[in-house]
N, C-alpha and C. Protein backbone atom coordinates (compact mmCIF):
# COMPACT_ATOMS: atom_id res chain seq x y z
N UNK A 1 -14.57 13.43 65.56
CA UNK A 1 -14.61 14.23 64.40
C UNK A 1 -15.59 15.21 64.29
N UNK A 2 -16.32 15.67 64.81
CA UNK A 2 -16.69 16.90 65.26
C UNK A 2 -16.18 18.24 65.34
N UNK A 3 -15.00 17.67 66.27
CA UNK A 3 -14.67 18.83 67.02
C UNK A 3 -13.54 19.54 65.69
N UNK A 4 -12.92 18.22 65.11
CA UNK A 4 -11.80 18.59 64.25
C UNK A 4 -11.90 18.77 62.91
N UNK A 5 -13.34 18.71 62.39
CA UNK A 5 -13.89 19.28 61.75
C UNK A 5 -13.87 20.75 60.58
N UNK A 6 -14.22 21.47 61.76
CA UNK A 6 -13.76 22.85 61.36
C UNK A 6 -12.23 23.32 60.94
N UNK A 7 -11.25 22.68 61.98
CA UNK A 7 -9.73 23.15 61.83
C UNK A 7 -9.42 22.35 60.19
N UNK A 8 -9.69 21.30 59.68
CA UNK A 8 -9.59 20.35 58.80
C UNK A 8 -10.30 21.26 57.36
N UNK A 9 -11.45 21.83 57.74
CA UNK A 9 -12.01 22.09 56.72
C UNK A 9 -11.53 23.93 56.43
N UNK A 10 -11.01 24.44 57.60
CA UNK A 10 -10.12 25.79 57.73
C UNK A 10 -8.84 25.50 56.61
N UNK A 11 -8.35 24.41 57.17
CA UNK A 11 -6.41 24.09 56.40
C UNK A 11 -6.91 23.83 54.81
N UNK A 12 -8.28 23.15 54.58
CA UNK A 12 -8.03 23.27 53.12
C UNK A 12 -8.81 24.20 52.73
N UNK A 13 -8.96 24.70 53.08
CA UNK A 13 -9.74 26.05 52.61
C UNK A 13 -8.52 27.00 52.32
N UNK A 14 -7.75 27.28 53.05
CA UNK A 14 -6.54 28.08 53.22
C UNK A 14 -5.17 27.46 52.18
N UNK A 15 -4.90 26.48 52.49
CA UNK A 15 -3.85 25.72 51.97
C UNK A 15 -4.27 24.53 50.79
N UNK A 16 -5.36 23.78 51.08
CA UNK A 16 -5.57 23.11 49.81
C UNK A 16 -5.84 23.53 48.84
N UNK A 17 -6.95 24.05 49.04
CA UNK A 17 -7.66 24.62 47.53
C UNK A 17 -6.94 25.80 46.85
N UNK A 18 -6.00 26.49 47.64
CA UNK A 18 -5.25 27.37 46.86
C UNK A 18 -4.05 26.93 46.11
N UNK A 19 -3.40 25.73 46.66
CA UNK A 19 -2.01 25.12 46.00
C UNK A 19 -2.63 24.50 44.72
N UNK A 20 -4.01 23.97 44.96
CA UNK A 20 -4.51 23.32 43.72
C UNK A 20 -5.09 24.09 42.34
N UNK A 21 -5.39 25.11 42.96
CA UNK A 21 -5.84 25.72 41.91
C UNK A 21 -4.56 27.01 41.51
N UNK A 22 -3.74 27.48 42.01
CA UNK A 22 -2.60 27.55 41.38
C UNK A 22 -1.53 27.30 40.84
N UNK A 23 -1.61 25.83 41.34
CA UNK A 23 -0.88 25.05 40.49
C UNK A 23 -1.20 24.26 39.34
N UNK A 24 -2.48 23.96 39.06
CA UNK A 24 -2.94 23.71 37.94
C UNK A 24 -2.99 24.94 36.91
N UNK A 25 -3.42 26.25 37.01
CA UNK A 25 -3.50 27.02 36.33
C UNK A 25 -2.04 27.47 35.82
N UNK A 26 -0.91 27.52 36.63
CA UNK A 26 0.25 27.59 36.40
C UNK A 26 0.88 26.32 35.51
N UNK A 27 0.26 25.60 35.67
CA UNK A 27 1.02 24.27 35.50
C UNK A 27 0.39 24.05 33.77
N UNK A 28 -1.26 24.80 33.73
CA UNK A 28 -1.60 24.40 32.38
C UNK A 28 -0.95 25.70 31.32
N UNK A 29 -0.44 26.79 32.13
CA UNK A 29 0.09 27.68 31.14
C UNK A 29 1.23 27.26 30.43
N UNK A 30 2.04 26.37 31.76
CA UNK A 30 3.58 25.59 31.20
C UNK A 30 3.49 24.74 30.26
N UNK A 31 2.14 24.31 30.53
CA UNK A 31 2.15 22.94 29.51
C UNK A 31 1.75 23.24 27.96
N UNK A 32 0.64 24.18 27.90
CA UNK A 32 0.65 24.61 27.10
C UNK A 32 2.13 25.21 26.02
N UNK A 33 2.74 25.97 27.10
CA UNK A 33 3.79 26.37 25.90
C UNK A 33 4.70 25.26 25.82
N UNK A 34 4.81 24.39 26.45
CA UNK A 34 5.54 23.15 26.35
C UNK A 34 4.98 22.36 25.08
N UNK A 35 3.64 22.29 24.51
CA UNK A 35 3.62 21.31 23.73
C UNK A 35 3.49 22.26 22.46
N UNK A 36 3.49 23.39 22.42
CA UNK A 36 3.99 24.22 21.80
C UNK A 36 5.05 24.12 20.92
N UNK A 37 6.14 24.39 21.88
CA UNK A 37 7.28 23.96 22.19
C UNK A 37 7.78 22.75 20.99
N UNK A 38 7.13 21.96 21.32
CA UNK A 38 7.45 20.55 21.16
C UNK A 38 6.66 19.95 19.38
N UNK A 39 5.74 21.03 19.08
CA UNK A 39 5.13 20.53 17.79
C UNK A 39 5.75 21.91 16.99
N UNK A 40 5.96 22.96 17.37
CA UNK A 40 6.18 24.25 16.53
C UNK A 40 7.58 24.89 16.11
N UNK A 41 8.58 24.52 17.53
CA UNK A 41 9.78 24.68 17.98
C UNK A 41 10.66 24.85 17.33
N UNK A 42 12.13 25.25 16.88
CA UNK A 42 13.33 24.31 16.04
C UNK A 42 13.50 23.00 17.25
N UNK A 43 14.59 22.50 16.83
CA UNK A 43 14.95 21.13 17.28
C UNK A 43 15.69 21.24 18.65
N UNK A 44 16.49 22.44 18.73
CA UNK A 44 17.28 22.30 20.09
C UNK A 44 16.06 22.76 21.27
N UNK A 45 15.12 23.57 21.02
CA UNK A 45 13.84 23.57 22.13
C UNK A 45 12.90 22.48 22.13
N UNK A 46 12.62 22.05 21.04
CA UNK A 46 12.08 20.75 21.45
C UNK A 46 12.85 19.56 22.04
N UNK A 47 14.17 19.59 21.91
CA UNK A 47 14.72 18.93 22.99
C UNK A 47 14.80 18.75 24.06
N UNK A 48 14.96 20.28 24.40
CA UNK A 48 14.93 20.62 25.67
C UNK A 48 13.33 20.30 26.38
N UNK A 49 12.24 20.79 25.67
CA UNK A 49 10.90 20.52 26.61
C UNK A 49 10.77 19.00 26.64
N UNK A 50 11.58 17.99 25.54
CA UNK A 50 10.89 16.29 25.99
C UNK A 50 11.82 16.19 26.82
N UNK A 51 13.17 16.79 27.30
CA UNK A 51 14.04 16.11 28.32
C UNK A 51 13.12 16.49 29.82
N UNK A 52 12.71 17.49 29.64
CA UNK A 52 11.76 18.24 30.91
C UNK A 52 10.44 17.60 31.11
N UNK A 53 10.01 16.88 30.10
CA UNK A 53 8.49 15.72 30.28
C UNK A 53 9.14 14.72 30.60
N UNK A 54 10.13 14.40 30.25
CA UNK A 54 10.97 12.96 30.33
C UNK A 54 11.65 12.82 32.20
N UNK A 55 11.99 13.70 32.30
CA UNK A 55 12.59 13.49 33.52
C UNK A 55 11.15 14.40 34.58
N UNK A 56 9.98 14.87 34.60
CA UNK A 56 8.79 15.12 35.49
C UNK A 56 8.21 13.34 35.47
N UNK A 57 8.10 12.93 34.15
CA UNK A 57 6.91 11.97 34.24
C UNK A 57 7.88 10.70 34.61
N UNK A 58 8.72 11.06 34.66
CA UNK A 58 10.14 9.53 35.23
C UNK A 58 10.42 9.55 36.32
N UNK A 59 10.20 10.54 37.62
CA UNK A 59 10.63 10.43 38.62
C UNK A 59 9.27 10.80 39.82
N UNK A 60 9.36 10.38 40.70
CA UNK A 60 7.88 10.60 41.50
C UNK A 60 7.93 11.91 41.97
N UNK A 61 6.77 12.20 42.26
CA UNK A 61 6.25 13.59 42.21
C UNK A 61 6.72 13.61 44.02
N UNK A 62 6.77 12.83 45.07
CA UNK A 62 7.06 13.25 46.23
C UNK A 62 8.86 13.43 46.33
N UNK A 63 9.64 12.79 45.25
CA UNK A 63 10.81 13.01 45.17
C UNK A 63 11.25 14.48 44.78
N UNK A 64 10.29 15.08 43.71
CA UNK A 64 10.42 15.75 43.21
C UNK A 64 10.54 17.16 44.18
N UNK A 65 9.58 16.77 45.28
CA UNK A 65 9.13 17.93 46.09
C UNK A 65 10.05 18.11 47.15
N UNK A 66 10.85 16.96 47.63
CA UNK A 66 11.84 16.46 48.30
C UNK A 66 13.13 17.62 47.17
N UNK A 67 13.60 17.33 46.46
CA UNK A 67 14.56 18.02 46.04
C UNK A 67 14.37 19.22 46.12
N UNK A 68 13.37 19.78 45.70
CA UNK A 68 13.04 21.60 45.61
C UNK A 68 13.18 22.23 46.85
N UNK A 69 12.30 21.01 48.00
CA UNK A 69 12.48 21.90 49.45
C UNK A 69 13.66 21.66 50.26
N UNK A 70 14.06 20.18 50.08
CA UNK A 70 15.25 19.48 51.11
C UNK A 70 16.74 19.75 50.25
N UNK A 71 16.57 19.66 49.04
CA UNK A 71 17.76 19.94 48.37
C UNK A 71 18.31 20.95 47.56
N UNK A 72 17.56 21.92 47.04
CA UNK A 72 18.23 23.21 46.84
C UNK A 72 18.57 23.99 47.95
N UNK A 73 18.54 23.97 49.43
CA UNK A 73 18.83 24.69 49.86
C UNK A 73 20.53 24.66 50.19
N UNK A 74 20.82 23.51 49.32
CA UNK A 74 22.44 23.37 49.40
C UNK A 74 23.13 23.50 48.46
N UNK A 75 22.20 24.46 47.63
CA UNK A 75 22.91 25.21 46.54
C UNK A 75 22.22 26.60 46.89
N UNK A 76 21.89 27.01 48.33
CA UNK A 76 21.77 28.13 48.57
C UNK A 76 20.74 29.17 48.27
N UNK A 77 19.47 27.78 47.90
CA UNK A 77 18.22 28.54 47.54
C UNK A 77 17.33 27.89 48.21
N UNK A 78 16.79 29.28 48.94
CA UNK A 78 15.97 28.20 50.54
C UNK A 78 14.62 28.94 49.53
N UNK A 79 13.68 27.91 50.42
CA UNK A 79 12.21 28.38 49.60
C UNK A 79 11.72 27.75 50.97
N UNK A 80 10.62 28.90 50.97
CA UNK A 80 9.39 28.31 52.51
C UNK A 80 8.96 27.34 51.26
N UNK A 81 8.17 26.37 52.66
CA UNK A 81 7.21 25.37 51.95
C UNK A 81 6.09 25.44 51.04
N UNK A 82 5.40 26.69 50.90
CA UNK A 82 4.17 26.40 50.61
C UNK A 82 4.66 27.27 48.93
N UNK A 83 5.95 27.56 48.76
CA UNK A 83 6.06 28.31 47.03
C UNK A 83 7.00 26.96 46.37
N UNK A 84 7.57 26.08 47.66
CA UNK A 84 8.14 25.14 47.18
C UNK A 84 7.34 23.93 46.46
N UNK A 85 6.01 24.05 47.17
CA UNK A 85 5.19 23.04 46.96
C UNK A 85 4.70 23.62 45.09
N UNK A 86 4.72 24.87 45.56
CA UNK A 86 3.69 25.32 44.41
C UNK A 86 4.42 25.02 43.28
N UNK A 87 5.91 24.94 43.31
CA UNK A 87 6.85 24.69 42.42
C UNK A 87 6.69 23.62 42.18
N UNK A 88 7.00 22.92 42.66
CA UNK A 88 6.62 21.40 42.32
C UNK A 88 6.00 21.02 41.26
N UNK A 89 4.32 21.05 42.20
CA UNK A 89 3.08 20.56 41.54
C UNK A 89 3.15 21.18 39.96
N UNK A 90 3.88 22.74 39.82
CA UNK A 90 3.36 23.28 38.75
C UNK A 90 4.20 22.66 37.70
N UNK A 91 5.24 22.19 37.95
CA UNK A 91 6.22 21.64 37.12
C UNK A 91 5.93 20.25 37.21
N UNK A 92 5.13 19.39 37.72
CA UNK A 92 4.54 18.05 37.66
C UNK A 92 3.27 18.28 36.69
N UNK A 93 2.56 19.09 37.04
CA UNK A 93 1.41 19.39 35.86
C UNK A 93 1.49 19.89 34.74
N UNK A 94 2.36 20.73 34.69
CA UNK A 94 2.81 21.21 33.01
C UNK A 94 3.30 19.97 32.75
N UNK A 95 4.28 19.40 32.64
CA UNK A 95 4.80 17.86 32.43
C UNK A 95 3.64 17.18 31.56
N UNK A 96 2.66 16.87 32.33
CA UNK A 96 1.72 15.77 31.80
C UNK A 96 0.56 16.36 31.00
N UNK A 97 -0.03 17.61 31.40
CA UNK A 97 -0.50 18.69 30.56
C UNK A 97 -0.39 18.80 29.17
N UNK A 98 1.08 18.87 29.21
CA UNK A 98 1.98 19.35 28.13
C UNK A 98 1.61 18.11 27.12
N UNK A 99 1.42 16.70 27.65
CA UNK A 99 1.36 15.66 26.77
C UNK A 99 -0.19 15.82 26.33
N UNK A 100 -1.10 16.27 27.10
CA UNK A 100 -2.70 16.05 26.90
C UNK A 100 -2.86 17.38 25.32
N UNK A 101 -2.22 18.45 25.82
CA UNK A 101 -2.56 19.06 24.68
C UNK A 101 -1.98 18.98 23.61
N UNK A 102 -0.50 19.01 23.68
CA UNK A 102 -0.09 18.07 22.16
C UNK A 102 -0.77 17.30 21.96
N UNK A 103 -1.26 16.43 22.18
CA UNK A 103 -2.31 15.20 21.55
C UNK A 103 -3.24 15.75 21.41
N UNK A 104 -4.01 16.37 22.01
CA UNK A 104 -5.36 17.17 21.31
C UNK A 104 -5.20 18.25 20.39
N UNK A 105 -4.07 18.78 20.29
CA UNK A 105 -3.71 20.12 18.96
C UNK A 105 -3.34 18.95 17.59
N UNK A 106 -2.46 18.15 17.38
CA UNK A 106 -2.36 16.79 16.95
C UNK A 106 -3.55 16.18 16.42
N UNK A 107 -4.78 16.28 16.92
CA UNK A 107 -5.54 15.27 16.17
C UNK A 107 -6.39 16.14 16.00
N UNK A 108 -6.58 17.45 15.39
CA UNK A 108 -6.89 18.08 14.58
C UNK A 108 -6.45 18.11 13.11
N UNK A 109 -7.67 17.88 12.44
CA UNK A 109 -7.35 17.36 11.27
C UNK A 109 -6.65 18.55 10.06
N UNK A 110 -5.53 18.21 9.25
CA UNK A 110 -4.85 18.97 9.00
C UNK A 110 -5.98 19.79 7.84
N UNK A 111 -7.06 19.69 7.94
CA UNK A 111 -7.53 20.33 6.74
C UNK A 111 -7.85 21.37 7.54
N UNK A 112 -8.33 21.57 8.55
CA UNK A 112 -8.57 22.50 9.52
C UNK A 112 -7.78 23.77 9.09
N UNK A 113 -6.48 23.55 9.43
CA UNK A 113 -5.13 24.19 9.35
C UNK A 113 -5.13 24.81 8.02
N UNK A 114 -5.80 24.12 6.49
CA UNK A 114 -5.42 24.43 5.41
C UNK A 114 -6.47 25.67 4.90
N UNK A 115 -7.67 25.05 5.62
CA UNK A 115 -8.83 25.73 5.55
C UNK A 115 -8.69 27.32 5.83
N UNK A 116 -8.06 27.03 7.36
CA UNK A 116 -7.73 28.44 7.88
C UNK A 116 -6.73 29.70 7.13
N UNK A 117 -6.04 28.52 6.82
CA UNK A 117 -4.56 29.61 5.85
C UNK A 117 -5.09 30.03 4.68
N UNK A 118 -6.12 29.22 4.04
CA UNK A 118 -6.70 29.92 2.81
C UNK A 118 -7.26 30.95 2.83
N UNK A 119 -8.02 31.45 4.31
CA UNK A 119 -8.60 32.56 3.80
C UNK A 119 -8.12 33.82 4.70
N UNK A 120 -6.33 33.87 4.50
CA UNK A 120 -5.50 34.48 4.74
C UNK A 120 -4.93 34.97 6.61
N UNK A 121 -5.22 33.73 7.14
CA UNK A 121 -5.29 33.77 8.59
C UNK A 121 -3.85 33.60 8.90
N UNK A 122 -3.47 34.41 9.66
CA UNK A 122 -1.88 34.05 10.28
C UNK A 122 -1.70 32.91 11.29
N UNK A 123 -0.44 32.32 11.80
CA UNK A 123 -0.57 31.32 12.86
C UNK A 123 -1.19 31.07 13.65
N UNK A 124 -0.77 32.51 14.55
CA UNK A 124 -1.26 33.02 15.53
C UNK A 124 -2.98 32.76 15.42
N UNK A 125 -3.52 33.48 14.64
CA UNK A 125 -5.16 33.41 14.28
C UNK A 125 -5.42 32.05 14.17
N UNK A 126 -4.92 31.60 13.28
CA UNK A 126 -5.24 29.86 13.14
C UNK A 126 -5.38 29.15 14.56
N UNK A 127 -4.67 29.57 15.21
CA UNK A 127 -4.41 28.72 16.54
C UNK A 127 -5.31 29.05 17.42
N UNK A 128 -5.28 30.36 17.62
CA UNK A 128 -6.42 30.83 18.16
C UNK A 128 -8.11 30.72 17.94
N UNK A 129 -8.24 31.25 16.70
CA UNK A 129 -9.64 30.56 16.45
C UNK A 129 -10.14 29.17 16.11
N UNK A 130 -9.21 28.36 15.60
CA UNK A 130 -9.37 27.91 15.08
C UNK A 130 -8.83 26.08 15.52
N UNK A 131 -7.73 25.84 15.79
CA UNK A 131 -7.45 24.94 16.15
C UNK A 131 -7.73 24.89 17.93
N UNK A 132 -7.53 25.89 19.08
CA UNK A 132 -7.55 25.60 20.32
C UNK A 132 -8.82 25.34 20.52
N UNK A 133 -9.79 26.13 20.28
CA UNK A 133 -11.40 25.47 20.31
C UNK A 133 -11.96 24.31 20.25
N UNK A 134 -11.39 23.59 19.08
CA UNK A 134 -11.57 22.57 18.69
C UNK A 134 -10.76 21.33 19.59
N UNK A 135 -9.37 21.65 19.81
CA UNK A 135 -8.61 20.83 20.58
C UNK A 135 -9.11 21.10 21.92
N UNK A 136 -9.65 22.04 22.76
CA UNK A 136 -9.98 22.34 24.08
C UNK A 136 -11.37 21.35 24.15
N UNK A 137 -12.22 21.03 23.18
CA UNK A 137 -13.19 20.31 23.62
C UNK A 137 -12.61 18.64 23.64
N UNK A 138 -11.72 18.33 22.77
CA UNK A 138 -10.89 16.96 23.36
C UNK A 138 -10.82 16.70 24.48
N UNK A 139 -9.78 17.97 25.21
CA UNK A 139 -8.83 18.52 26.27
C UNK A 139 -9.71 17.75 27.64
N UNK A 140 -11.34 18.62 27.38
CA UNK A 140 -11.54 18.73 28.94
C UNK A 140 -11.56 17.28 29.71
N UNK A 141 -11.81 16.31 29.06
CA UNK A 141 -11.78 14.99 30.11
C UNK A 141 -10.42 14.70 30.54
N UNK A 142 -9.49 14.87 30.23
CA UNK A 142 -8.48 14.25 30.44
C UNK A 142 -7.64 15.52 31.23
N UNK A 143 -7.78 17.10 30.93
CA UNK A 143 -7.35 17.32 32.02
C UNK A 143 -8.72 17.58 33.38
N UNK A 144 -9.51 17.55 33.20
CA UNK A 144 -10.30 16.99 34.16
C UNK A 144 -10.05 16.19 35.18
N UNK A 145 -9.59 15.00 34.84
CA UNK A 145 -8.69 14.07 35.60
C UNK A 145 -7.80 14.53 36.04
N UNK A 146 -7.22 15.46 35.10
CA UNK A 146 -5.51 15.65 36.05
C UNK A 146 -5.66 16.93 37.27
N UNK A 147 -6.96 17.52 37.14
CA UNK A 147 -7.30 18.81 38.10
C UNK A 147 -8.07 17.83 39.39
N UNK A 148 -8.28 16.46 39.25
CA UNK A 148 -9.15 16.13 40.45
C UNK A 148 -7.97 15.61 40.89
N UNK A 149 -6.97 14.70 40.26
CA UNK A 149 -6.00 13.95 41.00
C UNK A 149 -5.00 14.90 41.73
N UNK A 150 -4.77 16.10 40.79
CA UNK A 150 -4.26 17.15 41.79
C UNK A 150 -4.57 17.40 43.17
N UNK A 151 -5.85 17.41 42.95
CA UNK A 151 -6.62 17.83 44.17
C UNK A 151 -5.96 16.60 46.04
N UNK A 152 -5.99 15.37 45.45
CA UNK A 152 -5.31 14.52 45.76
C UNK A 152 -4.44 14.50 46.54
N UNK A 153 -2.98 15.00 44.93
CA UNK A 153 -1.96 14.86 45.18
C UNK A 153 -1.52 15.59 46.05
N UNK A 154 -1.90 16.79 46.46
CA UNK A 154 -1.62 18.04 47.54
C UNK A 154 -1.32 17.42 48.64
N UNK A 155 -2.01 16.05 49.04
CA UNK A 155 -1.82 15.76 50.32
C UNK A 155 -0.45 15.27 50.42
N UNK A 156 0.54 15.37 49.46
CA UNK A 156 1.72 15.25 49.22
C UNK A 156 2.53 16.18 50.17
N UNK A 157 2.32 17.60 49.76
CA UNK A 157 2.69 18.64 50.75
C UNK A 157 2.86 18.44 52.05
N UNK A 158 1.98 17.40 52.49
CA UNK A 158 2.50 17.52 53.90
C UNK A 158 3.90 17.36 54.31
N UNK A 159 4.44 15.92 53.26
CA UNK A 159 5.81 15.69 53.43
C UNK A 159 6.95 16.72 53.73
N UNK A 160 6.54 17.83 52.82
CA UNK A 160 7.61 19.42 53.38
C UNK A 160 6.90 20.19 53.82
N UNK A 161 6.31 19.93 54.83
CA UNK A 161 5.68 20.92 56.10
C UNK A 161 4.56 21.82 55.66
N UNK A 162 3.68 21.49 54.28
CA UNK A 162 3.07 22.58 54.08
C UNK A 162 1.60 22.17 55.08
N UNK A 163 1.10 23.29 55.62
CA UNK A 163 -0.24 22.92 57.26
C UNK A 163 -1.41 22.65 55.98
N UNK A 164 -1.72 21.32 55.43
CA UNK A 164 -2.71 21.84 54.26
C UNK A 164 -3.49 20.46 54.83
N UNK A 165 -4.53 20.36 54.38
CA UNK A 165 -5.30 19.01 55.05
C UNK A 165 -5.00 18.04 56.03
N UNK A 166 -4.12 17.53 55.09
CA UNK A 166 -3.69 15.95 55.71
C UNK A 166 -2.56 16.38 56.84
N UNK A 167 -1.59 17.42 56.60
CA UNK A 167 -0.93 17.65 58.00
C UNK A 167 -1.81 17.96 58.82
N UNK A 168 -2.27 18.55 58.58
CA UNK A 168 -3.17 19.22 59.79
C UNK A 168 -4.11 18.02 60.20
N UNK A 169 -4.54 16.72 59.70
CA UNK A 169 -5.19 15.81 60.52
C UNK A 169 -3.83 15.16 61.27
N UNK A 170 -2.59 14.96 60.87
CA UNK A 170 -1.61 14.10 61.42
C UNK A 170 -1.27 15.15 62.25
N UNK A 171 -1.41 16.58 62.42
CA UNK A 171 -1.06 16.78 63.70
C UNK A 171 -1.97 16.79 65.11
N UNK A 172 -3.52 16.99 64.54
CA UNK A 172 -4.67 16.45 65.37
C UNK A 172 -4.07 15.06 65.80
N UNK A 173 -3.74 14.04 65.03
CA UNK A 173 -3.59 12.81 65.60
C UNK A 173 -2.55 12.86 66.41
N UNK A 174 -1.90 12.95 66.63
CA UNK A 174 -0.44 13.62 67.17
C UNK A 174 -0.64 13.96 68.89
N UNK A 175 -2.05 14.51 68.89
CA UNK A 175 -2.34 15.01 69.92
C UNK A 175 -3.69 14.30 70.70
N UNK A 176 -4.33 13.61 69.72
CA UNK A 176 -5.60 13.13 70.28
C UNK A 176 -5.57 11.31 70.06
N UNK A 177 -4.46 10.98 69.49
CA UNK A 177 -4.39 9.74 69.55
C UNK A 177 -5.43 8.86 68.95
N UNK A 178 -6.13 9.45 67.69
CA UNK A 178 -7.11 8.87 67.31
C UNK A 178 -6.90 9.01 65.51
N UNK A 179 -6.00 8.05 65.44
CA UNK A 179 -5.33 7.82 63.55
C UNK A 179 -7.16 7.46 63.04
N UNK A 180 -7.33 6.60 63.62
CA UNK A 180 -8.72 5.74 62.36
C UNK A 180 -9.80 6.85 62.00
N UNK A 181 -9.81 7.31 62.97
CA UNK A 181 -11.29 8.15 62.73
C UNK A 181 -10.66 10.01 62.48
N UNK A 182 -9.78 10.20 62.58
CA UNK A 182 -9.32 11.36 61.43
C UNK A 182 -8.48 11.08 60.22
N UNK A 183 -8.16 10.35 60.23
CA UNK A 183 -7.65 9.86 58.51
C UNK A 183 -8.83 9.51 58.10
N UNK A 184 -9.76 8.89 58.41
CA UNK A 184 -11.05 8.42 57.46
C UNK A 184 -11.80 10.20 57.51
N UNK A 185 -11.71 10.69 58.29
CA UNK A 185 -12.38 12.05 58.02
C UNK A 185 -11.82 12.91 56.98
N UNK A 186 -10.43 12.87 56.93
CA UNK A 186 -9.62 13.33 56.13
C UNK A 186 -9.98 12.88 54.05
N UNK A 187 -9.85 11.48 54.40
CA UNK A 187 -10.53 11.19 52.76
C UNK A 187 -11.82 11.26 52.87
N UNK A 188 -12.85 11.43 53.71
CA UNK A 188 -14.03 11.85 53.53
C UNK A 188 -13.99 13.35 52.36
N UNK A 189 -13.29 14.14 53.27
CA UNK A 189 -13.57 15.48 52.97
C UNK A 189 -12.90 15.73 51.59
N UNK A 190 -11.50 14.76 51.25
CA UNK A 190 -11.34 14.70 49.76
C UNK A 190 -11.89 13.78 48.65
N UNK A 191 -13.13 12.81 49.51
CA UNK A 191 -13.73 12.91 48.50
C UNK A 191 -14.59 13.30 47.99
N UNK A 192 -15.20 14.38 49.03
CA UNK A 192 -16.76 15.13 49.07
C UNK A 192 -16.11 16.10 47.95
N UNK A 193 -14.43 16.81 48.19
CA UNK A 193 -13.97 17.48 46.80
C UNK A 193 -13.99 16.97 45.42
N UNK A 194 -13.45 15.66 45.86
CA UNK A 194 -13.37 14.96 44.28
C UNK A 194 -15.01 15.10 43.66
N UNK A 195 -16.31 14.48 44.24
CA UNK A 195 -17.07 14.16 43.87
C UNK A 195 -17.77 15.66 43.24
N UNK A 196 -17.43 16.41 44.11
CA UNK A 196 -17.98 18.18 43.45
C UNK A 196 -17.68 18.52 42.58
N UNK A 197 -16.38 18.23 42.13
CA UNK A 197 -15.67 18.13 40.97
C UNK A 197 -15.68 17.53 39.75
N UNK A 198 -16.16 16.01 40.28
CA UNK A 198 -16.85 15.17 38.87
C UNK A 198 -17.91 15.56 38.48
N UNK A 199 -18.66 15.97 39.43
CA UNK A 199 -20.27 16.69 38.85
C UNK A 199 -19.61 17.41 37.85
N UNK A 200 -19.18 18.62 38.36
CA UNK A 200 -18.47 19.45 37.26
C UNK A 200 -17.85 19.27 36.02
N UNK A 201 -17.10 18.20 36.66
CA UNK A 201 -16.49 17.36 34.88
C UNK A 201 -17.65 17.04 33.63
N UNK A 202 -18.70 16.52 34.30
CA UNK A 202 -19.70 15.82 33.76
C UNK A 202 -20.41 17.14 32.83
N UNK A 203 -20.46 18.11 33.96
CA UNK A 203 -20.98 19.56 32.89
C UNK A 203 -20.56 19.82 32.01
N UNK A 204 -19.14 20.02 32.26
CA UNK A 204 -18.58 20.31 31.18
C UNK A 204 -18.10 19.63 29.82
N UNK A 205 -17.94 18.71 30.19
CA UNK A 205 -17.97 17.41 28.92
C UNK A 205 -19.61 17.89 28.32
N UNK A 206 -20.39 17.73 29.04
CA UNK A 206 -21.89 17.80 27.91
C UNK A 206 -21.81 19.18 27.41
N UNK A 207 -21.19 20.39 27.85
CA UNK A 207 -21.24 21.61 27.21
C UNK A 207 -20.34 21.61 26.00
N UNK A 208 -19.07 21.18 25.98
CA UNK A 208 -18.20 20.97 24.86
C UNK A 208 -18.19 20.00 24.06
N UNK A 209 -19.11 18.95 24.37
CA UNK A 209 -19.03 17.76 23.34
C UNK A 209 -19.22 17.95 22.32
N UNK A 210 -18.54 17.46 21.21
CA UNK A 210 -18.50 17.31 19.98
C UNK A 210 -20.11 17.00 19.28
N UNK A 211 -20.40 18.14 18.54
CA UNK A 211 -21.62 17.91 17.73
C UNK A 211 -21.81 16.28 17.53
N UNK A 212 -23.02 15.90 17.63
CA UNK A 212 -23.55 14.26 17.17
C UNK A 212 -22.41 13.32 17.75
N UNK A 213 -21.78 13.80 18.95
CA UNK A 213 -21.38 12.99 19.49
C UNK A 213 -21.74 11.96 20.44
N UNK A 214 -21.26 10.83 21.31
CA UNK A 214 -22.03 9.96 22.20
C UNK A 214 -22.96 10.81 23.17
N UNK A 215 -22.26 11.72 23.93
CA UNK A 215 -23.14 12.41 24.78
C UNK A 215 -24.27 13.10 24.34
N UNK A 216 -24.40 13.38 23.12
CA UNK A 216 -25.66 14.04 22.19
C UNK A 216 -26.71 12.87 22.01
N UNK A 217 -26.00 12.09 21.39
CA UNK A 217 -26.68 10.65 20.97
C UNK A 217 -27.61 9.88 22.12
N UNK A 218 -26.73 9.97 23.27
CA UNK A 218 -27.48 9.41 24.47
C UNK A 218 -28.65 10.56 25.04
N UNK A 219 -28.32 11.43 24.60
CA UNK A 219 -29.61 12.63 25.36
C UNK A 219 -30.76 12.39 24.50
């Protein structure tokens, strides 16, 4: 375990963490756009957005990665492993975060819209200054959970040859024949990263909690 630890940590630093951060950032942007389309766009665009969410949520992430990496070459679309994984995770995160964002925007009372319009704000100003700040507070817990899940889901990228943390552990197992020790070590590294992120999630929730909410009452 001691000998393999630096190699596993390096793989996590070079591949797992960048893949997680990039996928979540791009997926969050995609999810916001999809949510706004479903809430405010004309019917044809809403249908496209619903179809996208339906397909992604209804199929396994591993299958989506295989379609992108192994399936698209049959259409002369060749992608390296890391970009293919990035596209797959981005599309997946975008679908799930779009539902979170759509629900949180819908949870803002209608009176907030009316009050903002009554003082002369445009639609974009209402969204930027009134609706999204309130929706963000509600969205922090589910988005944080999605991010933590994504850290663990990046291990699926090993199936399309991305040399991230889990595939690095598999390669070491192939030479040392110590699967139990190395897979437990990889699991402990994932557990450590998830624990740090869970602690940060608690801090974010306390920072963005609604005034008079449960966290403030408990404090």
